[in-house]
Amino acid sequence: MGPTPNEMPHLSLVTPVHNGAGFIEGSLRTILRSLEQLERPVEVIVVCDGSTDGTVERARNVADPRLRVLRYEEHQGKGVALTCGLAHARGRLVGWLDSDLDIHPDAIVHAARRFEQTPMVDAVIGSKRHPASVVDYPRIRRFYSWGFQLLVRALFRINVRDTQVGAKVFRREMLDTVVPLLLIKRYAYDLELLAVGAEFGFDRIEEMPVQLEYRFSGSGISNEDVRRMLVDTLAIAYRIHLRHWYARRFAMLQRERIEAAAQEVVLEADRILPPTDASDLTPSPSVKRVGLLRRRAIR
């Protein structure tokens, strides 16, 4: 079921892809079929992250009104692709899923239903380390995952066992607050979002079991990726605990919004206030109010 042009989707699902011409069409059809189980309006946003192999054309072949295809020329990483897709998402719930479907999209259906069953939850995320999960992926990636999660639990106030599974659903208000503050462009994007979200009180995170079948679709993690992820993780901790960078950034954005809103009120008042009689030298209450707003906006 797709939303009408003026209807807010119940769920927006972003799926980033880089050079996935060999699988993207089948993946999108599978995703759309699975989301029909929700029996609610949904939208799927595929973001082609600098693909050069015909991924965009294959995605557009699906031609479903629930699907939007976004693209940009340069390959910039998962974080940029997700940020681009999230900026276009309209849903009350917003999530993402890796496009190679290492995890079946039924996991997203389960996550979306949990928000109805547990109204106070902020996010539902897939976890390889959930007791009920079934995972089949290389031993070296198991080792990396285990070590990384030990580091995460030591550095951050995140009460989850796995931050990196590419299947997550969030309440919109969490993303609207946190995403404008994020800096990470690649694999530590998920961690940064969860860690910064927890600092702003969005810490009611529920883990769900997943069945993971690693498909070797070309999205593997190299030793250099592991090094960069470690550096990014330490940088996130530095910005949170030592510089308090995210809190300062949030405060600055709030000030900018308030100043912009005050200026808009001034401009609107200029448009609607009628001309005053020059003989009337006593300012009306509305004129006094506009003058006050002007002074605040100037400051």
C-alpha atoms as a PDB file:
ATOM      1  CA  MET A   1       0.000   0.000   0.000  1.00  0.00           C
ATOM      2  CA  GLY A   2       1.480   3.320  -1.053  1.00  0.00           C
ATOM      3  CA  PRO A   3       0.711   6.761   0.396  1.00  0.00           C
ATOM      4  CA  THR A   4      -1.238   9.332  -1.583  1.00  0.00           C
ATOM      5  CA  PRO A   5       0.710  12.529  -2.455  1.00  0.00           C
ATOM      6  CA  ASN A   6      -0.616  14.337   0.646  1.00  0.00           C
ATOM      7  CA  GLU A   7      -0.580  11.343   2.982  1.00  0.00           C
ATOM      8  CA  MET A   8       2.240  10.693   5.433  1.00  0.00           C
ATOM      9  CA  PRO A   9       3.561   7.117   5.106  1.00  0.00           C
ATOM     10  CA  HIS A  10       3.489   4.959   8.188  1.00  0.00           C
ATOM     11  CA  LEU A  11       7.014   3.787   7.341  1.00  0.00           C
ATOM     12  CA  SER A  12       9.797   5.137   5.145  1.00  0.00           C
ATOM     13  CA  LEU A  13      12.554   2.622   4.396  1.00  0.00           C
ATOM     14  CA  VAL A  14      15.894   3.784   2.980  1.00  0.00           C
ATOM     15  CA  THR A  15      18.142   1.270   1.231  1.00  0.00           C
ATOM     16  CA  PRO A  16      21.578   2.489   0.088  1.00  0.00           C
ATOM     17  CA  VAL A  17      23.385   0.765  -2.774  1.00  0.00           C
ATOM     18  CA  HIS A  18      26.700   1.092  -4.583  1.00  0.00           C
ATOM     19  CA  ASN A  19      27.166  -0.792  -7.853  1.00  0.00           C
ATOM     20  CA  GLY A  20      24.379  -3.255  -7.125  1.00  0.00           C
ATOM     21  CA  ALA A  21      23.015  -3.747 -10.647  1.00  0.00           C
ATOM     22  CA  GLY A  22      23.197  -7.499 -10.250  1.00  0.00           C
ATOM     23  CA  PHE A  23      20.765  -7.669  -7.347  1.00  0.00           C
ATOM     24  CA  ILE A  24      18.986  -4.347  -6.769  1.00  0.00           C
ATOM     25  CA  GLU A  25      15.881  -5.028  -8.852  1.00  0.00           C
ATOM     26  CA  GLY A  26      15.192  -8.332  -7.115  1.00  0.00           C
ATOM     27  CA  SER A  27      15.959  -6.830  -3.707  1.00  0.00           C
ATOM     28  CA  LEU A  28      13.490  -3.972  -4.198  1.00  0.00           C
ATOM     29  CA  ARG A  29      10.702  -6.310  -5.313  1.00  0.00           C
ATOM     30  CA  THR A  30      11.321  -8.487  -2.248  1.00  0.00           C
ATOM     31  CA  ILE A  31      11.292  -5.454   0.054  1.00  0.00           C
ATOM     32  CA  LEU A  32       8.026  -4.130  -1.375  1.00  0.00           C
ATOM     33  CA  ARG A  33       6.330  -7.536  -1.076  1.00  0.00           C
ATOM     34  CA  SER A  34       7.427  -7.899   2.545  1.00  0.00           C
ATOM     35  CA  LEU A  35       6.231  -4.429   3.557  1.00  0.00           C
ATOM     36  CA  GLU A  36       2.728  -5.249   2.287  1.00  0.00           C
ATOM     37  CA  GLN A  37       2.348  -7.290   5.497  1.00  0.00           C
ATOM     38  CA  LEU A  38       2.048  -4.032   7.433  1.00  0.00           C
ATOM     39  CA  GLU A  39      -1.146  -3.108   5.548  1.00  0.00           C
ATOM     40  CA  ARG A  40      -0.174   0.534   6.029  1.00  0.00           C
ATOM     41  CA  PRO A  41       1.112   3.209   3.623  1.00  0.00           C
ATOM     42  CA  VAL A  42       4.856   2.807   3.074  1.00  0.00           C
ATOM     43  CA  GLU A  43       7.576   4.256   0.879  1.00  0.00           C
ATOM     44  CA  VAL A  44      10.932   2.785  -0.133  1.00  0.00           C
ATOM     45  CA  ILE A  45      13.800   5.139  -0.992  1.00  0.00           C
ATOM     46  CA  VAL A  46      16.783   3.605  -2.769  1.00  0.00           C
ATOM     47  CA  VAL A  47      19.888   5.806  -2.802  1.00  0.00           C
ATOM     48  CA  CYS A  48      22.443   5.021  -5.493  1.00  0.00           C
ATOM     49  CA  ASP A  49      25.767   6.021  -3.955  1.00  0.00           C
ATOM     50  CA  GLY A  50      27.831   6.918  -7.020  1.00  0.00           C
ATOM     51  CA  SER A  51      26.944   3.697  -8.850  1.00  0.00           C
ATOM     52  CA  THR A  52      28.482   3.291 -12.315  1.00  0.00           C
ATOM     53  CA  ASP A  53      27.161  -0.119 -13.371  1.00  0.00           C
ATOM     54  CA  GLY A  54      23.537   0.603 -14.288  1.00  0.00           C
ATOM     55  CA  THR A  55      22.141   0.299 -10.770  1.00  0.00           C
ATOM     56  CA  VAL A  56      19.936   3.367 -11.240  1.00  0.00           C
ATOM     57  CA  GLU A  57      18.294   1.985 -14.389  1.00  0.00           C
ATOM     58  CA  ARG A  58      17.740  -1.428 -12.797  1.00  0.00           C
ATOM     59  CA  ALA A  59      16.129   0.178  -9.754  1.00  0.00           C
ATOM     60  CA  ARG A  60      13.835   2.288 -11.917  1.00  0.00           C
ATOM     61  CA  ASN A  61      12.717  -0.842 -13.772  1.00  0.00           C
ATOM     62  CA  VAL A  62      10.655  -1.743 -10.697  1.00  0.00           C
ATOM     63  CA  ALA A  63       8.297   1.161 -11.497  1.00  0.00           C
ATOM     64  CA  ASP A  64       6.295   0.992  -8.281  1.00  0.00           C
ATOM     65  CA  PRO A  65       4.540   4.138  -6.920  1.00  0.00           C
ATOM     66  CA  ARG A  66       5.850   3.294  -3.446  1.00  0.00           C
ATOM     67  CA  LEU A  67       9.449   3.496  -4.691  1.00  0.00           C
ATOM     68  CA  ARG A  68      11.691   6.526  -5.156  1.00  0.00           C
ATOM     69  CA  VAL A  69      15.168   6.322  -6.692  1.00  0.00           C
ATOM     70  CA  LEU A  70      17.767   8.919  -5.710  1.00  0.00           C
ATOM     71  CA  ARG A  71      21.268   9.173  -7.122  1.00  0.00           C
ATOM     72  CA  TYR A  72      24.421  11.265  -7.015  1.00  0.00           C
ATOM     73  CA  GLU A  73      27.603  10.965  -9.071  1.00  0.00           C
ATOM     74  CA  GLU A  74      30.416  10.414  -6.559  1.00  0.00           C
ATOM     75  CA  HIS A  75      30.703   7.398  -4.263  1.00  0.00           C
ATOM     76  CA  GLN A  76      30.682   8.905  -0.756  1.00  0.00           C
ATOM     77  CA  GLY A  77      29.829   6.051   1.607  1.00  0.00           C
ATOM     78  CA  LYS A  78      26.917   4.637   3.533  1.00  0.00           C
ATOM     79  CA  GLY A  79      26.553   7.573   5.911  1.00  0.00           C
ATOM     80  CA  VAL A  80      26.089  10.079   3.100  1.00  0.00           C
ATOM     81  CA  ALA A  81      23.677   7.752   1.290  1.00  0.00           C
ATOM     82  CA  LEU A  82      21.566   7.291   4.415  1.00  0.00           C
ATOM     83  CA  THR A  83      21.560  11.013   5.206  1.00  0.00           C
ATOM     84  CA  CYS A  84      20.413  11.737   1.654  1.00  0.00           C
ATOM     85  CA  GLY A  85      17.605   9.178   1.884  1.00  0.00           C
ATOM     86  CA  LEU A  86      16.511  10.291   5.351  1.00  0.00           C
ATOM     87  CA  ALA A  87      16.230  13.878   4.116  1.00  0.00           C
ATOM     88  CA  HIS A  88      13.566  12.705   1.636  1.00  0.00           C
ATOM     89  CA  ALA A  89      11.734  10.341   4.026  1.00  0.00           C
ATOM     90  CA  ARG A  90       8.205  11.369   5.047  1.00  0.00           C
ATOM     91  CA  GLY A  91       7.208   8.480   7.306  1.00  0.00           C
ATOM     92  CA  ARG A  92       6.189   8.517  10.951  1.00  0.00           C
ATOM     93  CA  LEU A  93       8.666   5.665  11.347  1.00  0.00           C
ATOM     94  CA  VAL A  94      11.917   5.749   9.388  1.00  0.00           C
ATOM     95  CA  GLY A  95      14.388   2.924   8.926  1.00  0.00           C
ATOM     96  CA  TRP A  96      17.007   1.435   6.689  1.00  0.00           C
ATOM     97  CA  LEU A  97      18.002  -1.931   5.334  1.00  0.00           C
ATOM     98  CA  ASP A  98      21.123  -3.026   3.467  1.00  0.00           C
ATOM     99  CA  SER A  99      20.151  -3.511  -0.166  1.00  0.00           C
ATOM    100  CA  ASP A 100      21.932  -6.845  -0.676  1.00  0.00           C
ATOM    101  CA  LEU A 101      19.409  -8.378   1.766  1.00  0.00           C
ATOM    102  CA  ASP A 102      21.904 -10.157   3.999  1.00  0.00           C
ATOM    103  CA  ILE A 103      18.939  -9.674   6.328  1.00  0.00           C
ATOM    104  CA  HIS A 104      15.456 -10.386   4.983  1.00  0.00           C
ATOM    105  CA  PRO A 105      13.092  -7.362   4.946  1.00  0.00           C
ATOM    106  CA  ASP A 106      10.652  -9.252   7.164  1.00  0.00           C
ATOM    107  CA  ALA A 107      12.915  -7.964   9.957  1.00  0.00           C
ATOM    108  CA  ILE A 108      11.763  -4.430   9.141  1.00  0.00           C
ATOM    109  CA  VAL A 109       8.136  -5.553   9.332  1.00  0.00           C
ATOM    110  CA  HIS A 110       8.776  -7.025  12.770  1.00  0.00           C
ATOM    111  CA  ALA A 111      10.542  -3.852  13.910  1.00  0.00           C
ATOM    112  CA  ALA A 112       7.709  -1.580  12.734  1.00  0.00           C
ATOM    113  CA  ARG A 113       5.149  -3.690  14.589  1.00  0.00           C
ATOM    114  CA  ARG A 114       7.135  -3.406  17.805  1.00  0.00           C
ATOM    115  CA  PHE A 115       6.403   0.334  17.914  1.00  0.00           C
ATOM    116  CA  GLU A 116       2.695  -0.463  18.197  1.00  0.00           C
ATOM    117  CA  GLN A 117       3.307  -3.132  20.826  1.00  0.00           C
ATOM    118  CA  THR A 118       5.804  -1.019  22.820  1.00  0.00           C
ATOM    119  CA  PRO A 119       4.787   2.635  22.380  1.00  0.00           C
ATOM    120  CA  MET A 120       7.646   4.083  24.449  1.00  0.00           C
ATOM    121  CA  VAL A 121      10.505   2.608  22.378  1.00  0.00           C
ATOM    122  CA  ASP A 122      12.706   5.022  20.391  1.00  0.00           C
ATOM    123  CA  ALA A 123      14.304   2.518  18.028  1.00  0.00           C
ATOM    124  CA  VAL A 124      14.236  -1.161  17.147  1.00  0.00           C
ATOM    125  CA  ILE A 125      17.498  -2.492  15.749  1.00  0.00           C
ATOM    126  CA  GLY A 126      18.708  -5.828  14.455  1.00  0.00           C
ATOM    127  CA  SER A 127      21.330  -7.607  16.531  1.00  0.00           C
ATOM    128  CA  LYS A 128      23.586 -10.501  15.562  1.00  0.00           C
ATOM    129  CA  ARG A 129      24.237 -11.057  19.263  1.00  0.00           C
ATOM    130  CA  HIS A 130      20.579 -11.510  20.223  1.00  0.00           C
ATOM    131  CA  PRO A 131      20.131 -15.034  21.680  1.00  0.00           C
ATOM    132  CA  ALA A 132      17.529 -15.888  19.034  1.00  0.00           C
ATOM    133  CA  SER A 133      19.587 -14.662  16.046  1.00  0.00           C
ATOM    134  CA  VAL A 134      20.819 -17.069  13.380  1.00  0.00           C
ATOM    135  CA  VAL A 135      24.023 -15.840  11.772  1.00  0.00           C
ATOM    136  CA  ASP A 136      26.223 -17.223   9.011  1.00  0.00           C
ATOM    137  CA  TYR A 137      29.161 -14.961   8.248  1.00  0.00           C
ATOM    138  CA  PRO A 138      32.980 -15.237   8.194  1.00  0.00           C
ATOM    139  CA  ARG A 139      34.972 -15.945  11.335  1.00  0.00           C
ATOM    140  CA  ILE A 140      37.086 -12.818  10.894  1.00  0.00           C
ATOM    141  CA  ARG A 141      33.965 -10.657  10.853  1.00  0.00           C
ATOM    142  CA  ARG A 142      32.757 -12.369  14.028  1.00  0.00           C
ATOM    143  CA  PHE A 143      36.064 -11.445  15.666  1.00  0.00           C
ATOM    144  CA  TYR A 144      35.882  -7.834  14.487  1.00  0.00           C
ATOM    145  CA  SER A 145      32.272  -7.561  15.666  1.00  0.00           C
ATOM    146  CA  TRP A 146      33.040  -8.969  19.112  1.00  0.00           C
ATOM    147  CA  GLY A 147      36.011  -6.658  19.661  1.00  0.00           C
ATOM    148  CA  PHE A 148      34.190  -3.611  18.354  1.00  0.00           C
ATOM    149  CA  GLN A 149      31.205  -4.092  20.629  1.00  0.00           C
ATOM    150  CA  LEU A 150      33.478  -4.429  23.677  1.00  0.00           C
ATOM    151  CA  LEU A 151      34.972  -1.060  22.761  1.00  0.00           C
ATOM    152  CA  VAL A 152      31.527   0.490  22.244  1.00  0.00           C
ATOM    153  CA  ARG A 153      30.271  -0.618  25.641  1.00  0.00           C
ATOM    154  CA  ALA A 154      33.383   0.838  27.277  1.00  0.00           C
ATOM    155  CA  LEU A 155      33.052   4.230  25.567  1.00  0.00           C
ATOM    156  CA  PHE A 156      29.344   4.965  25.249  1.00  0.00           C
ATOM    157  CA  ARG A 157      26.080   4.915  27.159  1.00  0.00           C
ATOM    158  CA  ILE A 158      24.445   2.476  24.739  1.00  0.00           C
ATOM    159  CA  ASN A 159      22.778  -0.542  26.282  1.00  0.00           C
ATOM    160  CA  VAL A 160      22.818  -2.755  23.181  1.00  0.00           C
ATOM    161  CA  ARG A 161      24.955  -5.690  22.140  1.00  0.00           C
ATOM    162  CA  ASP A 162      25.308  -4.860  18.446  1.00  0.00           C
ATOM    163  CA  THR A 163      25.217  -1.440  16.771  1.00  0.00           C
ATOM    164  CA  GLN A 164      26.223  -2.368  13.225  1.00  0.00           C
ATOM    165  CA  VAL A 165      23.496  -4.586  11.723  1.00  0.00           C
ATOM    166  CA  GLY A 166      22.028  -2.884   8.659  1.00  0.00           C
ATOM    167  CA  ALA A 167      18.383  -3.248   9.704  1.00  0.00           C
ATOM    168  CA  LYS A 168      16.995  -0.500  11.929  1.00  0.00           C
ATOM    169  CA  VAL A 169      13.757   1.461  12.456  1.00  0.00           C
ATOM    170  CA  PHE A 170      13.477   4.731  14.418  1.00  0.00           C
ATOM    171  CA  ARG A 171      10.841   7.166  15.542  1.00  0.00           C
ATOM    172  CA  ARG A 172      10.984  10.222  13.346  1.00  0.00           C
ATOM    173  CA  GLU A 173      11.581  12.631  16.235  1.00  0.00           C
ATOM    174  CA  MET A 174      14.810  10.842  17.141  1.00  0.00           C
ATOM    175  CA  LEU A 175      16.187  11.192  13.623  1.00  0.00           C
ATOM    176  CA  ASP A 176      14.998  14.783  13.269  1.00  0.00           C
ATOM    177  CA  THR A 177      16.957  15.673  16.412  1.00  0.00           C
ATOM    178  CA  VAL A 178      20.114  13.639  15.869  1.00  0.00           C
ATOM    179  CA  VAL A 179      20.821  13.367  12.130  1.00  0.00           C
ATOM    180  CA  PRO A 180      21.647  17.096  11.630  1.00  0.00           C
ATOM    181  CA  LEU A 181      24.432  16.679  14.208  1.00  0.00           C
ATOM    182  CA  LEU A 182      26.216  13.697  12.631  1.00  0.00           C
ATOM    183  CA  LEU A 183      29.620  13.798  10.941  1.00  0.00           C
ATOM    184  CA  ILE A 184      30.502  10.175  10.093  1.00  0.00           C
ATOM    185  CA  LYS A 185      30.276   9.242   6.421  1.00  0.00           C
ATOM    186  CA  ARG A 186      30.884   5.491   6.378  1.00  0.00           C
ATOM    187  CA  TYR A 187      30.565   2.412   8.606  1.00  0.00           C
ATOM    188  CA  ALA A 188      30.455   4.120  12.031  1.00  0.00           C
ATOM    189  CA  TYR A 189      27.355   6.102  11.017  1.00  0.00           C
ATOM    190  CA  ASP A 190      25.035   3.732  12.920  1.00  0.00           C
ATOM    191  CA  LEU A 191      27.174   3.958  16.042  1.00  0.00           C
ATOM    192  CA  GLU A 192      27.313   7.752  15.935  1.00  0.00           C
ATOM    193  CA  LEU A 193      23.538   7.996  15.592  1.00  0.00           C
ATOM    194  CA  LEU A 194      22.878   5.653  18.528  1.00  0.00           C
ATOM    195  CA  ALA A 195      25.570   7.179  20.749  1.00  0.00           C
ATOM    196  CA  VAL A 196      24.501  10.774  20.119  1.00  0.00           C
ATOM    197  CA  GLY A 197      20.831   9.799  20.420  1.00  0.00           C
ATOM    198  CA  ALA A 198      21.495   8.345  23.868  1.00  0.00           C
ATOM    199  CA  GLU A 199      23.134  11.611  24.934  1.00  0.00           C
ATOM    200  CA  PHE A 200      19.900  13.421  24.026  1.00  0.00           C
ATOM    201  CA  GLY A 201      17.657  10.960  25.867  1.00  0.00           C
ATOM    202  CA  PHE A 202      16.741   8.678  22.967  1.00  0.00           C
ATOM    203  CA  ASP A 203      18.052   5.620  24.763  1.00  0.00           C
ATOM    204  CA  ARG A 204      15.020   3.323  24.714  1.00  0.00           C
ATOM    205  CA  ILE A 205      16.481   0.917  22.173  1.00  0.00           C
ATOM    206  CA  GLU A 206      15.102  -2.567  21.631  1.00  0.00           C
ATOM    207  CA  GLU A 207      17.151  -5.273  19.927  1.00  0.00           C
ATOM    208  CA  MET A 208      15.511  -7.839  17.691  1.00  0.00           C
ATOM    209  CA  PRO A 209      16.852 -11.173  16.455  1.00  0.00           C
ATOM    210  CA  VAL A 210      17.931 -11.482  12.838  1.00  0.00           C
ATOM    211  CA  GLN A 211      18.750 -14.231  10.420  1.00  0.00           C
ATOM    212  CA  LEU A 212      21.899 -13.105   8.644  1.00  0.00           C
ATOM    213  CA  GLU A 213      23.267 -14.758   5.509  1.00  0.00           C
ATOM    214  CA  TYR A 214      26.442 -13.009   4.372  1.00  0.00           C
ATOM    215  CA  ARG A 215      26.237 -12.839   0.562  1.00  0.00           C
ATOM    216  CA  PHE A 216      29.684 -11.428  -0.339  1.00  0.00           C
ATOM    217  CA  SER A 217      28.090  -8.789  -2.567  1.00  0.00           C
ATOM    218  CA  GLY A 218      31.190  -6.609  -2.673  1.00  0.00           C
ATOM    219  CA  SER A 219      30.347  -4.646   0.476  1.00  0.00           C
ATOM    220  CA  GLY A 220      32.886  -6.405   2.695  1.00  0.00           C
ATOM    221  CA  ILE A 221      35.061  -4.607   5.238  1.00  0.00           C
ATOM    222  CA  SER A 222      38.811  -4.388   4.584  1.00  0.00           C
ATOM    223  CA  ASN A 223      41.594  -3.913   7.128  1.00  0.00           C
ATOM    224  CA  GLU A 224      41.695  -0.236   6.164  1.00  0.00           C
ATOM    225  CA  ASP A 225      37.954   0.012   6.825  1.00  0.00           C
ATOM    226  CA  VAL A 226      38.508  -1.499  10.283  1.00  0.00           C
ATOM    227  CA  ARG A 227      41.227   1.072  11.001  1.00  0.00           C
ATOM    228  CA  ARG A 228      39.006   3.949   9.872  1.00  0.00           C
ATOM    229  CA  MET A 229      36.121   2.640  11.926  1.00  0.00           C
ATOM    230  CA  LEU A 230      38.312   2.531  15.031  1.00  0.00           C
ATOM    231  CA  VAL A 231      39.463   6.115  14.406  1.00  0.00           C
ATOM    232  CA  ASP A 232      35.874   7.271  13.839  1.00  0.00           C
ATOM    233  CA  THR A 233      34.723   5.537  17.028  1.00  0.00           C
ATOM    234  CA  LEU A 234      37.391   7.251  19.122  1.00  0.00           C
ATOM    235  CA  ALA A 235      36.529  10.579  17.454  1.00  0.00           C
ATOM    236  CA  ILE A 236      32.859  10.179  18.413  1.00  0.00           C
ATOM    237  CA  ALA A 237      33.844   9.489  22.020  1.00  0.00           C
ATOM    238  CA  TYR A 238      36.124  12.550  22.010  1.00  0.00           C
ATOM    239  CA  ARG A 239      33.361  14.815  20.694  1.00  0.00           C
ATOM    240  CA  ILE A 240      30.837  13.491  23.233  1.00  0.00           C
ATOM    241  CA  HIS A 241      32.892  13.271  26.413  1.00  0.00           C
ATOM    242  CA  LEU A 242      35.642  15.883  26.062  1.00  0.00           C
ATOM    243  CA  ARG A 243      34.469  18.564  23.660  1.00  0.00           C
ATOM    244  CA  HIS A 244      30.692  18.203  24.208  1.00  0.00           C
ATOM    245  CA  TRP A 245      30.557  19.031  20.507  1.00  0.00           C
ATOM    246  CA  TYR A 246      27.107  17.564  19.775  1.00  0.00           C
ATOM    247  CA  ALA A 247      25.421  19.497  22.579  1.00  0.00           C
ATOM    248  CA  ARG A 248      27.043  22.723  21.394  1.00  0.00           C
ATOM    249  CA  ARG A 249      26.047  22.016  17.806  1.00  0.00           C
ATOM    250  CA  PHE A 250      22.460  21.340  18.875  1.00  0.00           C
ATOM    251  CA  ALA A 251      22.321  24.610  20.817  1.00  0.00           C
ATOM    252  CA  MET A 252      23.660  26.536  17.829  1.00  0.00           C
ATOM    253  CA  LEU A 253      21.070  25.016  15.488  1.00  0.00           C
ATOM    254  CA  GLN A 254      18.304  25.847  17.949  1.00  0.00           C
ATOM    255  CA  ARG A 255      19.430  29.473  18.119  1.00  0.00           C
ATOM    256  CA  GLU A 256      19.494  29.668  14.328  1.00  0.00           C
ATOM    257  CA  ARG A 257      15.944  28.247  14.102  1.00  0.00           C
ATOM    258  CA  ILE A 258      14.591  30.709  16.675  1.00  0.00           C
ATOM    259  CA  GLU A 259      16.257  33.684  14.984  1.00  0.00           C
ATOM    260  CA  ALA A 260      14.951  32.573  11.583  1.00  0.00           C
ATOM    261  CA  ALA A 261      11.430  32.165  13.001  1.00  0.00           C
ATOM    262  CA  ALA A 262      11.544  35.621  14.592  1.00  0.00           C
ATOM    263  CA  GLN A 263      12.692  37.155  11.321  1.00  0.00           C
ATOM    264  CA  GLU A 264       9.859  35.406   9.480  1.00  0.00           C
ATOM    265  CA  VAL A 265       7.341  36.870  11.950  1.00  0.00           C
ATOM    266  CA  VAL A 266       8.782  40.345  11.301  1.00  0.00           C
ATOM    267  CA  LEU A 267       8.510  39.897   7.538  1.00  0.00           C
ATOM    268  CA  GLU A 268       4.972  38.571   7.826  1.00  0.00           C
ATOM    269  CA  ALA A 269       3.974  41.524  10.005  1.00  0.00           C
ATOM    270  CA  ASP A 270       5.407  43.924   7.416  1.00  0.00           C
ATOM    271  CA  ARG A 271       3.185  42.303   4.794  1.00  0.00           C
ATOM    272  CA  ILE A 272      -0.086  42.354   6.757  1.00  0.00           C
ATOM    273  CA  LEU A 273       0.028  45.543   8.862  1.00  0.00           C
ATOM    274  CA  PRO A 274      -2.109  48.319   7.273  1.00  0.00           C
ATOM    275  CA  PRO A 275      -0.647  51.807   6.782  1.00  0.00           C
ATOM    276  CA  THR A 276      -1.040  53.958   9.898  1.00  0.00           C
ATOM    277  CA  ASP A 277      -2.518  57.457   9.970  1.00  0.00           C
ATOM    278  CA  ALA A 278       0.355  59.930  10.366  1.00  0.00           C
ATOM    279  CA  SER A 279      -1.760  61.924  12.833  1.00  0.00           C
ATOM    280  CA  ASP A 280      -1.947  58.959  15.177  1.00  0.00           C
ATOM    281  CA  LEU A 281       1.333  59.095  17.071  1.00  0.00           C
ATOM    282  CA  THR A 282       0.381  56.431  19.628  1.00  0.00           C
ATOM    283  CA  PRO A 283       1.782  53.016  18.616  1.00  0.00           C
ATOM    284  CA  SER A 284      -0.773  50.244  18.645  1.00  0.00           C
ATOM    285  CA  PRO A 285      -0.070  47.065  20.692  1.00  0.00           C
ATOM    286  CA  SER A 286       0.614  45.134  17.463  1.00  0.00           C
ATOM    287  CA  VAL A 287       3.174  47.721  16.309  1.00  0.00           C
ATOM    288  CA  LYS A 288       4.876  47.581  19.717  1.00  0.00           C
ATOM    289  CA  ARG A 289       4.995  43.782  19.416  1.00  0.00           C
ATOM    290  CA  VAL A 290       6.548  43.932  15.936  1.00  0.00           C
ATOM    291  CA  GLY A 291       9.132  46.435  17.165  1.00  0.00           C
ATOM    292  CA  LEU A 292      10.097  44.096  19.977  1.00  0.00           C
ATOM    293  CA  LEU A 293      10.460  41.199  17.531  1.00  0.00           C
ATOM    294  CA  ARG A 294      12.612  43.337  15.264  1.00  0.00           C
ATOM    295  CA  ARG A 295      14.934  44.231  18.117  1.00  0.00           C
ATOM    296  CA  ARG A 296      15.234  40.561  19.129  1.00  0.00           C
ATOM    297  CA  ALA A 297      15.923  39.509  15.553  1.00  0.00           C
ATOM    298  CA  ILE A 298      18.653  42.171  15.203  1.00  0.00           C
ATOM    299  CA  ARG A 299      20.305  41.000  18.404  1.00  0.00           C
END
